Amino acid sequence: MCTLRFLGIDKESIETSKAASSLGFRDCTLGLEMASLAGGLLSRLYGVSCDFLRKCLWRVVTFGPIPKHVAVIMDGNRRFARNHHLKEGAGHRYGFVSLMSTLRYCYEMGVEYVTIYAFSIDNFKRRPDEVQYVMDLMHEKLSSLLKEESLVNQYGVRVTFIGNLKLMPAYVRETAERAMEATAKNDKAVLSICVAYTSTDEITRAVRESCNERRKSVSGSKLIMKNGDKSNGANDLITVSDLERHMYTAGYPELDILIRTSGETRLSNYLLWQSSGSFLHISDALWPEFALRHVLWAVLEYQRAQPYLEKKRKMV
């Protein structure tokens, strides 16, 4: 009866007995408040329990080598939406939730650098309405990262962007610049977001800048040695160190794990230079389905392969 009165049913009985209805409403309100309070307590208890269990899990995992640098190709958003009969574009929103969870797991575990493939230069070839949707979503989510309670501030994450930002719409580029400026003083971890990026574009840029740098160096030096002989030009050659110094990831630790979701076994023109000595982990899960167990399995597989990878790196 209390519920009926609360919903406005049995109006005549409520009007004829104001005292009773008032008491009934108060009882209903009190019951709802108590139920809400109980639900909130259970929710907080569940959250605290999950956090505790994850910390215990990371304690066990850290007995092995923990990767310093993890990169992710977040593939499968569109297939996830089709498989679940969702509206086009909804897969990207589910993918963002998965991204936030994965970042939290990585930073809790002790990973210092996470690099994600958010938008390729080749993705601009998709339908204009799809590209616009992704740009709007990126603008929205980048704005949310600037809030004080966001994950980047909670874990002291510095946000950087990798790629040719000039290709991005002005409003997205401005939001990205604000995010970099707002998190510039964070020094506990780094999140690198690859947008308008391909590895071939990055390598071409590194070669171009290395050549320009060496050209200026040569033009400013003496070409005639003291003994009158011409320089043999050995110092004019571009080296691997020159190229690495002009990569977007200059100063980053070596890439330890490259994770690709959706079961695809290609790198999609992503970090080709950096991944030459890294562990490649292919997950069959679509990106919105990527969860704690997938992160854990990727790290355990890396720990098993790490001695071999380290041996190979020392041989180079």
C-alpha atoms as a PDB file:
ATOM      1  CA  MET A   1       0.000   0.000   0.000  1.00  0.00           C
ATOM      2  CA  CYS A   2       2.888   2.318   0.815  1.00  0.00           C
ATOM      3  CA  THR A   3       4.298   1.789  -2.653  1.00  0.00           C
ATOM      4  CA  LEU A   4       0.907   2.469  -4.257  1.00  0.00           C
ATOM      5  CA  ARG A   5       0.549   5.743  -2.392  1.00  0.00           C
ATOM      6  CA  PHE A   6       4.075   6.726  -3.315  1.00  0.00           C
ATOM      7  CA  LEU A   7       3.229   6.193  -6.987  1.00  0.00           C
ATOM      8  CA  GLY A   8       0.039   8.284  -6.735  1.00  0.00           C
ATOM      9  CA  ILE A   9      -2.387   5.384  -6.800  1.00  0.00           C
ATOM     10  CA  ASP A  10      -5.407   5.293  -4.440  1.00  0.00           C
ATOM     11  CA  LYS A  11      -5.507   9.106  -4.395  1.00  0.00           C
ATOM     12  CA  GLU A  12      -8.855   9.324  -2.573  1.00  0.00           C
ATOM     13  CA  SER A  13      -7.637   7.378   0.469  1.00  0.00           C
ATOM     14  CA  ILE A  14      -4.573   9.599   0.648  1.00  0.00           C
ATOM     15  CA  GLU A  15      -6.679  12.772   0.621  1.00  0.00           C
ATOM     16  CA  THR A  16      -9.098  11.503   3.262  1.00  0.00           C
ATOM     17  CA  SER A  17      -6.337  10.535   5.674  1.00  0.00           C
ATOM     18  CA  LYS A  18      -3.539  13.070   5.489  1.00  0.00           C
ATOM     19  CA  ALA A  19      -1.912  11.912   8.675  1.00  0.00           C
ATOM     20  CA  ALA A  20      -1.833   8.310   7.550  1.00  0.00           C
ATOM     21  CA  SER A  21      -0.563   9.199   4.091  1.00  0.00           C
ATOM     22  CA  SER A  22       2.090  11.453   5.566  1.00  0.00           C
ATOM     23  CA  LEU A  23       3.268   8.622   7.770  1.00  0.00           C
ATOM     24  CA  GLY A  24       3.162   6.269   4.814  1.00  0.00           C
ATOM     25  CA  PHE A  25       5.229   8.594   2.666  1.00  0.00           C
ATOM     26  CA  ARG A  26       7.774   8.994   5.430  1.00  0.00           C
ATOM     27  CA  ASP A  27       8.005   5.243   5.840  1.00  0.00           C
ATOM     28  CA  CYS A  28       8.487   4.793   2.099  1.00  0.00           C
ATOM     29  CA  THR A  29      11.112   7.514   1.910  1.00  0.00           C
ATOM     30  CA  LEU A  30      12.950   6.051   4.886  1.00  0.00           C
ATOM     31  CA  GLY A  31      12.846   2.607   3.305  1.00  0.00           C
ATOM     32  CA  LEU A  32      14.210   3.924   0.008  1.00  0.00           C
ATOM     33  CA  GLU A  33      16.972   5.823   1.772  1.00  0.00           C
ATOM     34  CA  MET A  34      17.944   2.746   3.773  1.00  0.00           C
ATOM     35  CA  ALA A  35      17.963   0.590   0.633  1.00  0.00           C
ATOM     36  CA  SER A  36      20.078   3.175  -1.165  1.00  0.00           C
ATOM     37  CA  LEU A  37      22.468   3.358   1.785  1.00  0.00           C
ATOM     38  CA  ALA A  38      22.754  -0.417   1.947  1.00  0.00           C
ATOM     39  CA  GLY A  39      23.358  -0.594  -1.802  1.00  0.00           C
ATOM     40  CA  GLY A  40      26.045   2.080  -1.546  1.00  0.00           C
ATOM     41  CA  LEU A  41      27.787   0.245   1.288  1.00  0.00           C
ATOM     42  CA  LEU A  42      27.711  -3.029  -0.629  1.00  0.00           C
ATOM     43  CA  SER A  43      29.049  -1.298  -3.723  1.00  0.00           C
ATOM     44  CA  ARG A  44      31.904   0.281  -1.769  1.00  0.00           C
ATOM     45  CA  LEU A  45      32.631  -3.015  -0.013  1.00  0.00           C
ATOM     46  CA  TYR A  46      32.764  -4.782  -3.378  1.00  0.00           C
ATOM     47  CA  GLY A  47      35.096  -2.121  -4.769  1.00  0.00           C
ATOM     48  CA  VAL A  48      37.431  -2.309  -1.769  1.00  0.00           C
ATOM     49  CA  SER A  49      37.490  -6.114  -1.997  1.00  0.00           C
ATOM     50  CA  CYS A  50      38.375  -6.008  -5.703  1.00  0.00           C
ATOM     51  CA  ASP A  51      41.143  -3.478  -5.067  1.00  0.00           C
ATOM     52  CA  PHE A  52      42.582  -5.644  -2.299  1.00  0.00           C
ATOM     53  CA  LEU A  53      42.501  -8.808  -4.420  1.00  0.00           C
ATOM     54  CA  ARG A  54      44.192  -6.996  -7.309  1.00  0.00           C
ATOM     55  CA  LYS A  55      46.947  -5.746  -5.004  1.00  0.00           C
ATOM     56  CA  CYS A  56      47.503  -9.306  -3.797  1.00  0.00           C
ATOM     57  CA  LEU A  57      47.618 -10.470  -7.403  1.00  0.00           C
ATOM     58  CA  TRP A  58      50.182  -7.820  -8.379  1.00  0.00           C
ATOM     59  CA  ARG A  59      52.304  -8.786  -5.372  1.00  0.00           C
ATOM     60  CA  VAL A  60      52.525 -12.316  -6.777  1.00  0.00           C
ATOM     61  CA  VAL A  61      53.161 -11.129 -10.340  1.00  0.00           C
ATOM     62  CA  THR A  62      55.976  -8.798  -9.263  1.00  0.00           C
ATOM     63  CA  PHE A  63      58.078 -11.784  -8.228  1.00  0.00           C
ATOM     64  CA  GLY A  64      58.881 -11.912 -11.947  1.00  0.00           C
ATOM     65  CA  PRO A  65      60.155  -9.111 -14.221  1.00  0.00           C
ATOM     66  CA  ILE A  66      57.615  -6.325 -14.710  1.00  0.00           C
ATOM     67  CA  PRO A  67      57.602  -4.600 -18.109  1.00  0.00           C
ATOM     68  CA  LYS A  68      58.520  -0.931 -18.052  1.00  0.00           C
ATOM     69  CA  HIS A  69      56.976  -0.118 -21.426  1.00  0.00           C
ATOM     70  CA  VAL A  70      53.768  -1.639 -22.811  1.00  0.00           C
ATOM     71  CA  ALA A  71      52.185  -0.738 -26.157  1.00  0.00           C
ATOM     72  CA  VAL A  72      48.667  -1.652 -27.267  1.00  0.00           C
ATOM     73  CA  ILE A  73      46.926  -1.854 -30.631  1.00  0.00           C
ATOM     74  CA  MET A  74      43.300  -1.415 -29.578  1.00  0.00           C
ATOM     75  CA  ASP A  75      41.545  -3.367 -32.332  1.00  0.00           C
ATOM     76  CA  GLY A  76      37.999  -4.708 -32.531  1.00  0.00           C
ATOM     77  CA  ASN A  77      35.721  -1.823 -31.502  1.00  0.00           C
ATOM     78  CA  ARG A  78      33.615  -1.940 -34.658  1.00  0.00           C
ATOM     79  CA  ARG A  79      33.370  -5.733 -34.659  1.00  0.00           C
ATOM     80  CA  PHE A  80      32.276  -5.635 -31.021  1.00  0.00           C
ATOM     81  CA  ALA A  81      29.453  -3.244 -31.910  1.00  0.00           C
ATOM     82  CA  ARG A  82      28.334  -5.432 -34.824  1.00  0.00           C
ATOM     83  CA  ASN A  83      28.494  -8.638 -32.796  1.00  0.00           C
ATOM     84  CA  HIS A  84      26.315  -7.131 -30.062  1.00  0.00           C
ATOM     85  CA  HIS A  85      23.949  -5.324 -32.440  1.00  0.00           C
ATOM     86  CA  LEU A  86      24.928  -1.948 -31.029  1.00  0.00           C
ATOM     87  CA  LYS A  87      24.648   1.413 -32.679  1.00  0.00           C
ATOM     88  CA  GLU A  88      27.594   2.243 -34.933  1.00  0.00           C
ATOM     89  CA  GLY A  89      30.235   4.009 -32.879  1.00  0.00           C
ATOM     90  CA  ALA A  90      29.112   2.472 -29.579  1.00  0.00           C
ATOM     91  CA  GLY A  91      32.037   0.060 -29.729  1.00  0.00           C
ATOM     92  CA  HIS A  92      34.455   2.964 -29.361  1.00  0.00           C
ATOM     93  CA  ARG A  93      32.754   4.053 -26.140  1.00  0.00           C
ATOM     94  CA  TYR A  94      32.981   0.538 -24.722  1.00  0.00           C
ATOM     95  CA  GLY A  95      36.598   0.534 -25.867  1.00  0.00           C
ATOM     96  CA  PHE A  96      37.317   3.662 -23.818  1.00  0.00           C
ATOM     97  CA  VAL A  97      36.033   1.909 -20.680  1.00  0.00           C
ATOM     98  CA  SER A  98      38.375  -0.988 -21.433  1.00  0.00           C
ATOM     99  CA  LEU A  99      41.237   1.473 -21.929  1.00  0.00           C
ATOM    100  CA  MET A 100      40.705   3.073 -18.527  1.00  0.00           C
ATOM    101  CA  SER A 101      40.646  -0.340 -16.827  1.00  0.00           C
ATOM    102  CA  THR A 102      43.769  -1.519 -18.652  1.00  0.00           C
ATOM    103  CA  LEU A 103      45.653   1.658 -17.755  1.00  0.00           C
ATOM    104  CA  ARG A 104      44.678   1.239 -14.110  1.00  0.00           C
ATOM    105  CA  TYR A 105      45.935  -2.370 -14.089  1.00  0.00           C
ATOM    106  CA  CYS A 106      49.223  -1.391 -15.739  1.00  0.00           C
ATOM    107  CA  TYR A 107      49.953   1.466 -13.358  1.00  0.00           C
ATOM    108  CA  GLU A 108      48.955  -0.592 -10.312  1.00  0.00           C
ATOM    109  CA  MET A 109      51.347  -3.302 -11.481  1.00  0.00           C
ATOM    110  CA  GLY A 110      54.236  -0.853 -11.843  1.00  0.00           C
ATOM    111  CA  VAL A 111      54.354  -0.288 -15.602  1.00  0.00           C
ATOM    112  CA  GLU A 112      55.857   3.161 -16.181  1.00  0.00           C
ATOM    113  CA  TYR A 113      55.120   3.741 -19.879  1.00  0.00           C
ATOM    114  CA  VAL A 114      51.971   2.815 -21.794  1.00  0.00           C
ATOM    115  CA  THR A 115      51.698   3.694 -25.487  1.00  0.00           C
ATOM    116  CA  ILE A 116      48.344   3.225 -27.241  1.00  0.00           C
ATOM    117  CA  TYR A 117      47.399   3.310 -30.923  1.00  0.00           C
ATOM    118  CA  ALA A 118      44.330   5.549 -30.960  1.00  0.00           C
ATOM    119  CA  PHE A 119      44.086   6.741 -34.573  1.00  0.00           C
ATOM    120  CA  SER A 120      46.183   5.981 -37.628  1.00  0.00           C
ATOM    121  CA  ILE A 121      46.829   8.330 -40.536  1.00  0.00           C
ATOM    122  CA  ASP A 122      45.209   5.625 -42.667  1.00  0.00           C
ATOM    123  CA  ASN A 123      42.029   5.882 -40.572  1.00  0.00           C
ATOM    124  CA  PHE A 124      41.311   9.258 -42.193  1.00  0.00           C
ATOM    125  CA  LYS A 125      40.341   7.232 -45.289  1.00  0.00           C
ATOM    126  CA  ARG A 126      37.253   5.891 -43.494  1.00  0.00           C
ATOM    127  CA  ARG A 127      33.801   7.409 -43.969  1.00  0.00           C
ATOM    128  CA  PRO A 128      33.718  11.105 -42.954  1.00  0.00           C
ATOM    129  CA  ASP A 129      30.897  10.578 -40.449  1.00  0.00           C
ATOM    130  CA  GLU A 130      32.821   7.769 -38.712  1.00  0.00           C
ATOM    131  CA  VAL A 131      35.995   9.881 -38.560  1.00  0.00           C
ATOM    132  CA  GLN A 132      33.983  12.792 -37.144  1.00  0.00           C
ATOM    133  CA  TYR A 133      32.435  10.567 -34.479  1.00  0.00           C
ATOM    134  CA  VAL A 134      35.862   9.334 -33.361  1.00  0.00           C
ATOM    135  CA  MET A 135      37.219  12.898 -33.283  1.00  0.00           C
ATOM    136  CA  ASP A 136      34.277  14.075 -31.160  1.00  0.00           C
ATOM    137  CA  LEU A 137      34.681  11.124 -28.802  1.00  0.00           C
ATOM    138  CA  MET A 138      38.397  11.791 -28.496  1.00  0.00           C
ATOM    139  CA  HIS A 139      37.710  15.449 -27.690  1.00  0.00           C
ATOM    140  CA  GLU A 140      35.137  14.446 -25.055  1.00  0.00           C
ATOM    141  CA  LYS A 141      37.349  11.854 -23.356  1.00  0.00           C
ATOM    142  CA  LEU A 142      40.460  14.016 -23.408  1.00  0.00           C
ATOM    143  CA  SER A 143      38.483  16.737 -21.673  1.00  0.00           C
ATOM    144  CA  SER A 144      37.457  14.256 -18.973  1.00  0.00           C
ATOM    145  CA  LEU A 145      41.111  13.365 -18.389  1.00  0.00           C
ATOM    146  CA  LEU A 146      41.732  16.931 -17.237  1.00  0.00           C
ATOM    147  CA  LYS A 147      39.415  16.560 -14.242  1.00  0.00           C
ATOM    148  CA  GLU A 148      41.097  16.358 -10.849  1.00  0.00           C
ATOM    149  CA  GLU A 149      39.621  12.962  -9.993  1.00  0.00           C
ATOM    150  CA  SER A 150      40.646  11.393 -13.292  1.00  0.00           C
ATOM    151  CA  LEU A 151      42.951   8.401 -13.556  1.00  0.00           C
ATOM    152  CA  VAL A 152      45.911  10.423 -14.860  1.00  0.00           C
ATOM    153  CA  ASN A 153      45.925  12.620 -11.770  1.00  0.00           C
ATOM    154  CA  GLN A 154      45.264   9.715  -9.427  1.00  0.00           C
ATOM    155  CA  TYR A 155      48.379   7.879 -10.653  1.00  0.00           C
ATOM    156  CA  GLY A 156      50.496  10.916 -11.537  1.00  0.00           C
ATOM    157  CA  VAL A 157      50.456  10.199 -15.284  1.00  0.00           C
ATOM    158  CA  ARG A 158      51.993  12.577 -17.808  1.00  0.00           C
ATOM    159  CA  VAL A 159      50.031  12.533 -21.078  1.00  0.00           C
ATOM    160  CA  THR A 160      51.886  12.942 -24.372  1.00  0.00           C
ATOM    161  CA  PHE A 161      50.754  12.662 -27.989  1.00  0.00           C
ATOM    162  CA  ILE A 162      52.677  10.916 -30.731  1.00  0.00           C
ATOM    163  CA  GLY A 163      52.020  11.607 -34.393  1.00  0.00           C
ATOM    164  CA  ASN A 164      51.418  14.393 -36.860  1.00  0.00           C
ATOM    165  CA  LEU A 165      48.997  16.503 -34.811  1.00  0.00           C
ATOM    166  CA  LYS A 166      48.709  19.004 -37.662  1.00  0.00           C
ATOM    167  CA  LEU A 167      46.418  16.497 -39.395  1.00  0.00           C
ATOM    168  CA  MET A 168      43.942  16.547 -36.498  1.00  0.00           C
ATOM    169  CA  PRO A 169      40.979  18.957 -36.322  1.00  0.00           C
ATOM    170  CA  ALA A 170      41.839  22.185 -34.517  1.00  0.00           C
ATOM    171  CA  TYR A 171      39.495  21.566 -31.562  1.00  0.00           C
ATOM    172  CA  VAL A 172      40.974  18.101 -30.916  1.00  0.00           C
ATOM    173  CA  ARG A 173      44.515  19.404 -31.284  1.00  0.00           C
ATOM    174  CA  GLU A 174      43.831  22.201 -28.790  1.00  0.00           C
ATOM    175  CA  THR A 175      42.373  19.722 -26.280  1.00  0.00           C
ATOM    176  CA  ALA A 176      45.427  17.484 -26.702  1.00  0.00           C
ATOM    177  CA  GLU A 177      47.744  20.435 -26.064  1.00  0.00           C
ATOM    178  CA  ARG A 178      45.802  21.351 -22.921  1.00  0.00           C
ATOM    179  CA  ALA A 179      46.071  17.760 -21.674  1.00  0.00           C
ATOM    180  CA  MET A 180      49.835  17.755 -22.204  1.00  0.00           C
ATOM    181  CA  GLU A 181      50.209  21.103 -20.486  1.00  0.00           C
ATOM    182  CA  ALA A 182      47.975  20.153 -17.538  1.00  0.00           C
ATOM    183  CA  THR A 183      49.866  16.899 -16.858  1.00  0.00           C
ATOM    184  CA  ALA A 184      53.388  18.124 -17.677  1.00  0.00           C
ATOM    185  CA  LYS A 185      54.454  18.039 -14.005  1.00  0.00           C
ATOM    186  CA  ASN A 186      53.213  14.480 -13.385  1.00  0.00           C
ATOM    187  CA  ASP A 187      56.251  12.225 -13.111  1.00  0.00           C
ATOM    188  CA  LYS A 188      55.145   8.803 -11.918  1.00  0.00           C
ATOM    189  CA  ALA A 189      54.087   7.326 -15.265  1.00  0.00           C
ATOM    190  CA  VAL A 190      53.616   8.254 -18.932  1.00  0.00           C
ATOM    191  CA  LEU A 191      50.671   7.681 -21.257  1.00  0.00           C
ATOM    192  CA  SER A 192      51.548   8.194 -24.928  1.00  0.00           C
ATOM    193  CA  ILE A 193      48.589   8.437 -27.300  1.00  0.00           C
ATOM    194  CA  CYS A 194      49.373   7.798 -30.961  1.00  0.00           C
ATOM    195  CA  VAL A 195      47.051   9.866 -33.156  1.00  0.00           C
ATOM    196  CA  ALA A 196      47.503  10.674 -36.853  1.00  0.00           C
ATOM    197  CA  TYR A 197      50.382   8.220 -36.621  1.00  0.00           C
ATOM    198  CA  THR A 198      52.041   5.550 -38.726  1.00  0.00           C
ATOM    199  CA  SER A 199      55.467   4.071 -38.196  1.00  0.00           C
ATOM    200  CA  THR A 200      56.556   4.857 -41.752  1.00  0.00           C
ATOM    201  CA  ASP A 201      55.647   8.504 -41.195  1.00  0.00           C
ATOM    202  CA  GLU A 202      57.637   8.516 -37.939  1.00  0.00           C
ATOM    203  CA  ILE A 203      60.716   6.926 -39.545  1.00  0.00           C
ATOM    204  CA  THR A 204      60.541   9.278 -42.538  1.00  0.00           C
ATOM    205  CA  ARG A 205      60.345  12.228 -40.162  1.00  0.00           C
ATOM    206  CA  ALA A 206      63.330  10.934 -38.153  1.00  0.00           C
ATOM    207  CA  VAL A 207      65.418  10.525 -41.328  1.00  0.00           C
ATOM    208  CA  ARG A 208      64.482  14.005 -42.541  1.00  0.00           C
ATOM    209  CA  GLU A 209      65.331  15.682 -39.229  1.00  0.00           C
ATOM    210  CA  SER A 210      68.578  13.705 -38.915  1.00  0.00           C
ATOM    211  CA  CYS A 211      69.637  14.830 -42.392  1.00  0.00           C
ATOM    212  CA  ASN A 212      68.792  18.449 -41.620  1.00  0.00           C
ATOM    213  CA  GLU A 213      70.728  18.279 -38.375  1.00  0.00           C
ATOM    214  CA  ARG A 214      73.768  16.721 -40.035  1.00  0.00           C
ATOM    215  CA  ARG A 215      73.618  19.198 -42.924  1.00  0.00           C
ATOM    216  CA  LYS A 216      73.765  22.116 -40.505  1.00  0.00           C
ATOM    217  CA  SER A 217      76.612  20.458 -38.620  1.00  0.00           C
ATOM    218  CA  VAL A 218      78.632  19.909 -41.786  1.00  0.00           C
ATOM    219  CA  SER A 219      78.036  23.394 -43.160  1.00  0.00           C
ATOM    220  CA  GLY A 220      79.282  24.892 -39.905  1.00  0.00           C
ATOM    221  CA  SER A 221      82.463  22.823 -39.721  1.00  0.00           C
ATOM    222  CA  LYS A 222      85.723  23.098 -41.621  1.00  0.00           C
ATOM    223  CA  LEU A 223      85.919  20.759 -44.617  1.00  0.00           C
ATOM    224  CA  ILE A 224      89.706  21.125 -44.936  1.00  0.00           C
ATOM    225  CA  MET A 225      91.807  19.452 -42.254  1.00  0.00           C
ATOM    226  CA  LYS A 226      94.986  21.022 -40.871  1.00  0.00           C
ATOM    227  CA  ASN A 227      97.231  18.830 -43.047  1.00  0.00           C
ATOM    228  CA  GLY A 228      95.513  20.103 -46.162  1.00  0.00           C
ATOM    229  CA  ASP A 229      93.584  16.893 -46.922  1.00  0.00           C
ATOM    230  CA  LYS A 230      89.850  16.949 -47.391  1.00  0.00           C
ATOM    231  CA  SER A 231      87.610  15.275 -44.872  1.00  0.00           C
ATOM    232  CA  ASN A 232      86.744  11.716 -45.829  1.00  0.00           C
ATOM    233  CA  GLY A 233      83.130  12.398 -44.853  1.00  0.00           C
ATOM    234  CA  ALA A 234      82.992   9.578 -42.299  1.00  0.00           C
ATOM    235  CA  ASN A 235      81.581  11.977 -39.730  1.00  0.00           C
ATOM    236  CA  ASP A 236      78.861  13.042 -42.138  1.00  0.00           C
ATOM    237  CA  LEU A 237      77.044   9.684 -42.115  1.00  0.00           C
ATOM    238  CA  ILE A 238      73.635   9.254 -40.464  1.00  0.00           C
ATOM    239  CA  THR A 239      73.790   6.668 -37.675  1.00  0.00           C
ATOM    240  CA  VAL A 240      71.183   4.594 -35.897  1.00  0.00           C
ATOM    241  CA  SER A 241      71.656   6.792 -32.840  1.00  0.00           C
ATOM    242  CA  ASP A 242      70.783   9.840 -34.927  1.00  0.00           C
ATOM    243  CA  LEU A 243      67.518   8.265 -36.031  1.00  0.00           C
ATOM    244  CA  GLU A 244      66.572   7.092 -32.547  1.00  0.00           C
ATOM    245  CA  ARG A 245      67.191  10.549 -31.177  1.00  0.00           C
ATOM    246  CA  HIS A 246      64.555  11.918 -33.547  1.00  0.00           C
ATOM    247  CA  MET A 247      61.924   9.230 -32.956  1.00  0.00           C
ATOM    248  CA  TYR A 248      58.782  10.261 -31.095  1.00  0.00           C
ATOM    249  CA  THR A 249      59.746   7.811 -28.345  1.00  0.00           C
ATOM    250  CA  ALA A 250      63.261   9.216 -27.818  1.00  0.00           C
ATOM    251  CA  GLY A 251      64.164   8.843 -24.159  1.00  0.00           C
ATOM    252  CA  TYR A 252      61.629   6.070 -23.543  1.00  0.00           C
ATOM    253  CA  PRO A 253      62.743   2.669 -22.252  1.00  0.00           C
ATOM    254  CA  GLU A 254      62.795  -0.134 -24.801  1.00  0.00           C
ATOM    255  CA  LEU A 255      59.390  -1.535 -25.676  1.00  0.00           C
ATOM    256  CA  ASP A 256      58.823  -4.727 -23.671  1.00  0.00           C
ATOM    257  CA  ILE A 257      55.363  -5.904 -24.763  1.00  0.00           C
ATOM    258  CA  LEU A 258      53.289  -5.067 -27.818  1.00  0.00           C
ATOM    259  CA  ILE A 259      49.703  -6.260 -27.333  1.00  0.00           C
ATOM    260  CA  ARG A 260      47.335  -6.674 -30.275  1.00  0.00           C
ATOM    261  CA  THR A 261      43.687  -7.519 -29.664  1.00  0.00           C
ATOM    262  CA  SER A 262      41.015  -9.122 -31.896  1.00  0.00           C
ATOM    263  CA  GLY A 263      43.257 -12.020 -32.936  1.00  0.00           C
ATOM    264  CA  GLU A 264      44.937 -10.153 -35.802  1.00  0.00           C
ATOM    265  CA  THR A 265      48.608 -11.002 -36.363  1.00  0.00           C
ATOM    266  CA  ARG A 266      49.761  -7.804 -38.075  1.00  0.00           C
ATOM    267  CA  LEU A 267      51.365  -4.675 -36.642  1.00  0.00           C
ATOM    268  CA  SER A 268      49.333  -2.221 -38.760  1.00  0.00           C
ATOM    269  CA  ASN A 269      52.290   0.118 -39.292  1.00  0.00           C
ATOM    270  CA  TYR A 270      52.663   0.686 -35.540  1.00  0.00           C
ATOM    271  CA  LEU A 271      55.988   1.124 -33.697  1.00  0.00           C
ATOM    272  CA  LEU A 272      57.853  -0.954 -36.293  1.00  0.00           C
ATOM    273  CA  TRP A 273      61.201   0.511 -35.238  1.00  0.00           C
ATOM    274  CA  GLN A 274      60.601   0.196 -31.489  1.00  0.00           C
ATOM    275  CA  SER A 275      59.119  -3.324 -31.524  1.00  0.00           C
ATOM    276  CA  SER A 276      62.045  -5.077 -33.219  1.00  0.00           C
ATOM    277  CA  GLY A 277      63.147  -6.692 -29.938  1.00  0.00           C
ATOM    278  CA  SER A 278      59.884  -6.706 -27.987  1.00  0.00           C
ATOM    279  CA  PHE A 279      57.481  -9.497 -27.054  1.00  0.00           C
ATOM    280  CA  LEU A 280      54.413  -9.640 -29.309  1.00  0.00           C
ATOM    281  CA  HIS A 281      51.249 -10.817 -27.563  1.00  0.00           C
ATOM    282  CA  ILE A 282      48.164 -11.554 -29.677  1.00  0.00           C
ATOM    283  CA  SER A 283      44.852 -11.671 -27.796  1.00  0.00           C
ATOM    284  CA  ASP A 284      41.709 -13.121 -29.367  1.00  0.00           C
ATOM    285  CA  ALA A 285      39.542 -10.762 -27.305  1.00  0.00           C
ATOM    286  CA  LEU A 286      38.081  -7.742 -29.045  1.00  0.00           C
ATOM    287  CA  TRP A 287      39.318  -4.540 -27.454  1.00  0.00           C
ATOM    288  CA  PRO A 288      36.110  -3.739 -25.488  1.00  0.00           C
ATOM    289  CA  GLU A 289      36.300  -7.288 -24.070  1.00  0.00           C
ATOM    290  CA  PHE A 290      39.930  -6.916 -22.954  1.00  0.00           C
ATOM    291  CA  ALA A 291      39.924  -7.380 -19.175  1.00  0.00           C
ATOM    292  CA  LEU A 292      42.103  -8.119 -16.151  1.00  0.00           C
ATOM    293  CA  ARG A 293      42.654 -11.762 -17.076  1.00  0.00           C
ATOM    294  CA  HIS A 294      43.950 -10.736 -20.514  1.00  0.00           C
ATOM    295  CA  VAL A 295      46.394  -8.234 -19.020  1.00  0.00           C
ATOM    296  CA  LEU A 296      47.594 -10.830 -16.546  1.00  0.00           C
ATOM    297  CA  TRP A 297      48.094 -13.478 -19.228  1.00  0.00           C
ATOM    298  CA  ALA A 298      50.073 -11.064 -21.421  1.00  0.00           C
ATOM    299  CA  VAL A 299      52.407 -10.224 -18.530  1.00  0.00           C
ATOM    300  CA  LEU A 300      52.877 -13.889 -17.537  1.00  0.00           C
ATOM    301  CA  GLU A 301      53.765 -14.815 -21.125  1.00  0.00           C
ATOM    302  CA  TYR A 302      56.219 -11.912 -21.241  1.00  0.00           C
ATOM    303  CA  GLN A 303      57.846 -13.078 -18.003  1.00  0.00           C
ATOM    304  CA  ARG A 304      58.327 -16.525 -19.486  1.00  0.00           C
ATOM    305  CA  ALA A 305      59.968 -15.094 -22.625  1.00  0.00           C
ATOM    306  CA  GLN A 306      61.886 -12.255 -20.934  1.00  0.00           C
ATOM    307  CA  PRO A 307      65.204 -14.145 -20.338  1.00  0.00           C
ATOM    308  CA  TYR A 308      65.383 -15.002 -24.055  1.00  0.00           C
ATOM    309  CA  LEU A 309      64.517 -11.431 -25.097  1.00  0.00           C
ATOM    310  CA  GLU A 310      67.118  -9.983 -22.736  1.00  0.00           C
ATOM    311  CA  LYS A 311      69.763 -12.344 -24.134  1.00  0.00           C
ATOM    312  CA  LYS A 312      68.930 -11.265 -27.682  1.00  0.00           C
ATOM    313  CA  ARG A 313      69.110  -7.582 -26.765  1.00  0.00           C
ATOM    314  CA  LYS A 314      72.591  -8.021 -25.301  1.00  0.00           C
ATOM    315  CA  MET A 315      73.748  -9.710 -28.516  1.00  0.00           C
ATOM    316  CA  VAL A 316      72.726  -6.730 -30.653  1.00  0.00           C
END
